[in-house]
C-alpha cells in the first residue's frame, strides 16, 4: 500500500487526531460501523462510559482489520458517530492512542439523534493494503 498524508495551510487545521486528507493506492477494505458490543458476551458494554465504549469499538475495528490482513496504520478514513458531541474530547483521547496525529487518517465526526442499541459512539473505517 502507498499512503501519503495531505495537509495544506489553505484549509483549516485538524481539531483532533486526524489529517485533512490521505492519498492511498492498493486494495480497499471497508469496515462497517462498530459499536461497543463485546463479541464474547454478544451485548453492549459500558453503557454509561463513552471512553470505555470507544475502547471496545476500537478493539472491534482492530479485530476486523486484522482478519483482513490490515492494521490501524493502513486506515485512511474514519467516521465517528456520537450520540452527544460533548463527548468529542473524551472519544479523541482514546482515538489518539491508536491513530498518532502525524499519520492519522482523514476523519469526519458527527452527532446523530440515535445509534444502534442506544450506544454512545460508533466508528467505521476504510483501510488500504
Protein backbone atom coordinates (compact mmCIF):
# COMPACT_ATOMS: atom_id res chain seq x y z
CA UNK A 1 0.00 0.00 0.00
CA UNK A 2 1.08 3.51 -0.74
CA UNK A 3 -0.14 6.17 1.69
CA UNK A 4 0.60 9.89 1.76
CA UNK A 5 -0.64 12.46 4.29
CA UNK A 6 -2.01 15.60 2.63
CA UNK A 7 -2.03 18.88 4.59
CA UNK A 8 -2.38 22.45 3.41
CA UNK A 9 -2.46 25.77 5.20
CA UNK A 10 -5.12 26.86 2.71
CA UNK A 11 -7.75 24.85 4.67
CA UNK A 12 -8.49 24.68 8.41
CA UNK A 13 -6.07 22.64 10.52
CA UNK A 14 -7.45 19.47 12.13
CA UNK A 15 -9.01 19.87 15.58
CA UNK A 16 -8.15 16.35 16.69
CA UNK A 17 -6.05 13.30 15.86
CA UNK A 18 -6.68 13.25 12.11
CA UNK A 19 -5.31 14.73 8.90
CA UNK A 20 -7.01 16.80 6.21
CA UNK A 21 -6.62 14.07 3.59
CA UNK A 22 -4.83 10.84 2.77
CA UNK A 23 -3.79 9.74 -0.73
CA UNK A 24 -3.64 5.94 -0.96
CA UNK A 25 -3.41 3.17 -3.51
CA UNK A 26 -4.00 -0.56 -3.11
CA UNK A 27 -6.83 -2.91 -2.12
CA UNK A 28 -9.56 -1.10 -0.17
CA UNK A 29 -11.19 -2.57 2.93
CA UNK A 30 -14.48 -1.02 4.03
CA UNK A 31 -15.16 -1.81 7.69
CA UNK A 32 -18.78 -1.47 8.81
CA UNK A 33 -19.61 0.77 11.73
CA UNK A 34 -18.68 -0.82 15.02
CA UNK A 35 -20.37 -0.23 18.35
CA UNK A 36 -19.47 -1.28 21.90
CA UNK A 37 -20.58 -4.90 21.67
CA UNK A 38 -18.24 -7.35 23.35
CA UNK A 39 -18.19 -10.35 20.96
CA UNK A 40 -17.69 -12.77 23.88
CA UNK A 41 -20.88 -11.52 25.56
CA UNK A 42 -22.85 -10.59 22.45
CA UNK A 43 -24.12 -7.47 24.17
CA UNK A 44 -23.35 -3.78 24.65
CA UNK A 45 -20.81 -3.00 27.37
CA UNK A 46 -20.10 0.14 29.43
CA UNK A 47 -23.49 1.73 28.75
CA UNK A 48 -22.64 4.95 30.64
CA UNK A 49 -18.93 5.35 29.82
CA UNK A 50 -18.05 6.78 26.41
CA UNK A 51 -14.30 6.23 26.88
CA UNK A 52 -14.73 2.54 27.66
CA UNK A 53 -17.23 2.18 24.82
CA UNK A 54 -14.69 3.77 22.47
CA UNK A 55 -12.04 1.27 23.64
CA UNK A 56 -14.42 -1.60 22.79
CA UNK A 57 -15.25 -0.06 19.41
CA UNK A 58 -11.54 0.27 18.64
CA UNK A 59 -10.94 -3.35 19.70
CA UNK A 60 -13.72 -4.48 17.35
CA UNK A 61 -12.26 -2.44 14.48
CA UNK A 62 -8.81 -3.87 15.16
CA UNK A 63 -10.12 -7.46 15.09
CA UNK A 64 -11.81 -6.90 11.73
CA UNK A 65 -8.79 -5.15 10.25
CA UNK A 66 -6.54 -7.98 11.44
CA UNK A 67 -8.87 -10.56 9.84
CA UNK A 68 -8.50 -8.61 6.59
CA UNK A 69 -4.70 -8.51 6.85
CA UNK A 70 -4.61 -4.85 7.82
CA UNK A 71 -3.85 -2.69 10.85
CA UNK A 72 -4.60 0.83 12.07
CA UNK A 73 -1.56 2.00 10.08
CA UNK A 74 -3.49 1.08 6.91
CA UNK A 75 -6.62 3.10 7.79
CA UNK A 76 -7.10 6.10 5.51
CA UNK A 77 -10.58 7.32 6.58
CA UNK A 78 -12.81 7.02 9.63
CA UNK A 79 -16.23 8.30 10.53
CA UNK A 80 -17.11 8.81 14.18
CA UNK A 81 -20.78 8.98 15.14
CA UNK A 82 -21.57 10.40 18.58
CA UNK A 83 -24.83 10.42 20.50
CA UNK A 84 -23.59 13.62 22.18
CA UNK A 85 -20.99 15.98 20.69
CA UNK A 86 -19.99 16.89 24.24
CA UNK A 87 -18.18 13.51 24.21
CA UNK A 88 -15.86 14.68 21.39
CA UNK A 89 -12.83 15.28 23.64
CA UNK A 90 -13.28 12.02 25.56
CA UNK A 91 -13.50 10.00 22.35
CA UNK A 92 -10.48 11.85 20.92
CA UNK A 93 -8.42 10.95 23.98
CA UNK A 94 -8.97 7.24 23.28
CA UNK A 95 -8.80 7.53 19.48
CA UNK A 96 -5.44 9.33 19.66
CA UNK A 97 -3.85 6.29 21.35
CA UNK A 98 -4.41 4.29 18.15
CA UNK A 99 -4.02 6.99 15.49
CA UNK A 100 -0.98 9.28 16.04
CA UNK A 101 -1.64 12.79 14.71
CA UNK A 102 1.24 12.76 12.20
CA UNK A 103 -0.13 9.68 10.36
CA UNK A 104 -3.79 9.68 11.44
CA UNK A 105 -6.43 9.06 8.77
CA UNK A 106 -8.83 11.63 7.43
CA UNK A 107 -11.94 11.73 9.62
CA UNK A 108 -15.46 13.03 9.93
CA UNK A 109 -17.24 13.25 13.29
CA UNK A 110 -20.96 13.89 13.61
CA UNK A 111 -23.58 13.91 16.32
CA UNK A 112 -26.60 11.78 15.49
CA UNK A 113 -30.00 11.59 17.13
CA UNK A 114 -29.64 7.92 17.99
CA UNK A 115 -27.25 5.00 17.48
CA UNK A 116 -28.00 1.25 17.34
CA UNK A 117 -28.75 -0.25 20.76
CA UNK A 118 -28.54 3.29 22.17
CA UNK A 119 -24.73 3.21 22.35
CA UNK A 120 -22.75 6.41 22.80
CA UNK A 121 -20.29 6.03 19.91
CA UNK A 122 -19.95 4.21 16.58
CA UNK A 123 -16.91 4.24 14.29
CA UNK A 124 -16.42 2.90 10.76
CA UNK A 125 -13.26 2.97 8.68
CA UNK A 126 -11.67 2.45 5.29
CA UNK A 127 -8.24 0.83 5.05
CA UNK A 128 -5.98 0.32 2.07
CA UNK A 129 -3.45 -2.52 1.87
